């Protein structure tokens, strides 16, 4: 970890012309809750202990600075009215900016954040269109989950003054109980206090927002970034975004990405694509030229000269799926031909076919 004065120096450079709302990816009307949620998500994503990519540390510093300003009502008001220059004047030339790692530890509870019991993760099978996997894209989705009550911050009490030390166990969370084994002989055991449930604290008046449940229902919005050629069953992890609870660190939301099964469309197998094309007898015998619209809209010409047998598979190089994490490489496209026979043959068509086959037989005799 670099000395704090180096972070202060780095900050002086980074905050020039910064848009703090844009850095946290929130609207200017964002609530304190939205700002906290944005900082929670982004700071964990860009923390240099976890993210080793180039520029991650600078990004982490930017996020911390944006959160420091926007989470402070006075600083935010000055920033909204007078911009960065007005904020710098208020801060006395940026001499009192906090260390970004101190902000992170304060937000997540310092070292206790790393030692907290981890809550359950959720795994969801997430279906996407094959076209999105081919071209890549961003898909918005929602998750219903539990979050800490924003009013009581997970205490379950109406106010801090409504939390009292349990008188039954004197705040220990456990009590000693004597139990008679034989006449004149007792055994002493330690049991969880039934008054406070082992917490050592009791609540006199419950939080009116969560009714003392400490958590509330919440619909969270996320975006899934689908990379071109993403493999079937690839898992995308949203760290620390599962159900929240006062006694544990949230688990992860895990999406297992799969393509939707669609009839009559492209089919995928790893980097290969498969397509079924239906042609008539005349095309099967004489050949044809057609245009096939690919998953991203570009046109692939398919050409056959001469006879095409039913079930014949034509290979078109480089028109399959993109290779995952190799944007310049593609698999192959395999086109299987289905020949459709006419229900009826007109006299004119019968005559033409007869002449064609008779002519073919005559050439064979020669």
Foldseek 3Di string as FASTA:
>chain_A
DDDQVVLLVLCVVLCVVDDLCVLLVHDLVDDLVSLLVSLVQLLVVLPCVPDVDPCSVVSNSSNLQSSVQCNDVVSSVQCVVPNPVSSCVVVVNSPDDDRSVVSVCVSCVHPVNVVFAEDDEAEAADADAVLCQQVWDKDKDKDKAKDFDPCDRQQQEQDPVQKDFDPVPRLQQKDWDWDDDDVVDIDIDIDGDPQPNSRRIDGRHGHPVVNSPRIDIDMDMDMDTRFFLPDQQDKDKSAQPHHDHPRGGYGIYIYGYHYDDDPQDWDDDRQEIEHEDEDEPCCQAAWDWDWDQDSNGDTDIDTDGGHDDQQDKDKDAQRTTAHPPRRVGGGIYIYTYHYDYDPDADPVNVVVVVVVVVVVVVVVVD
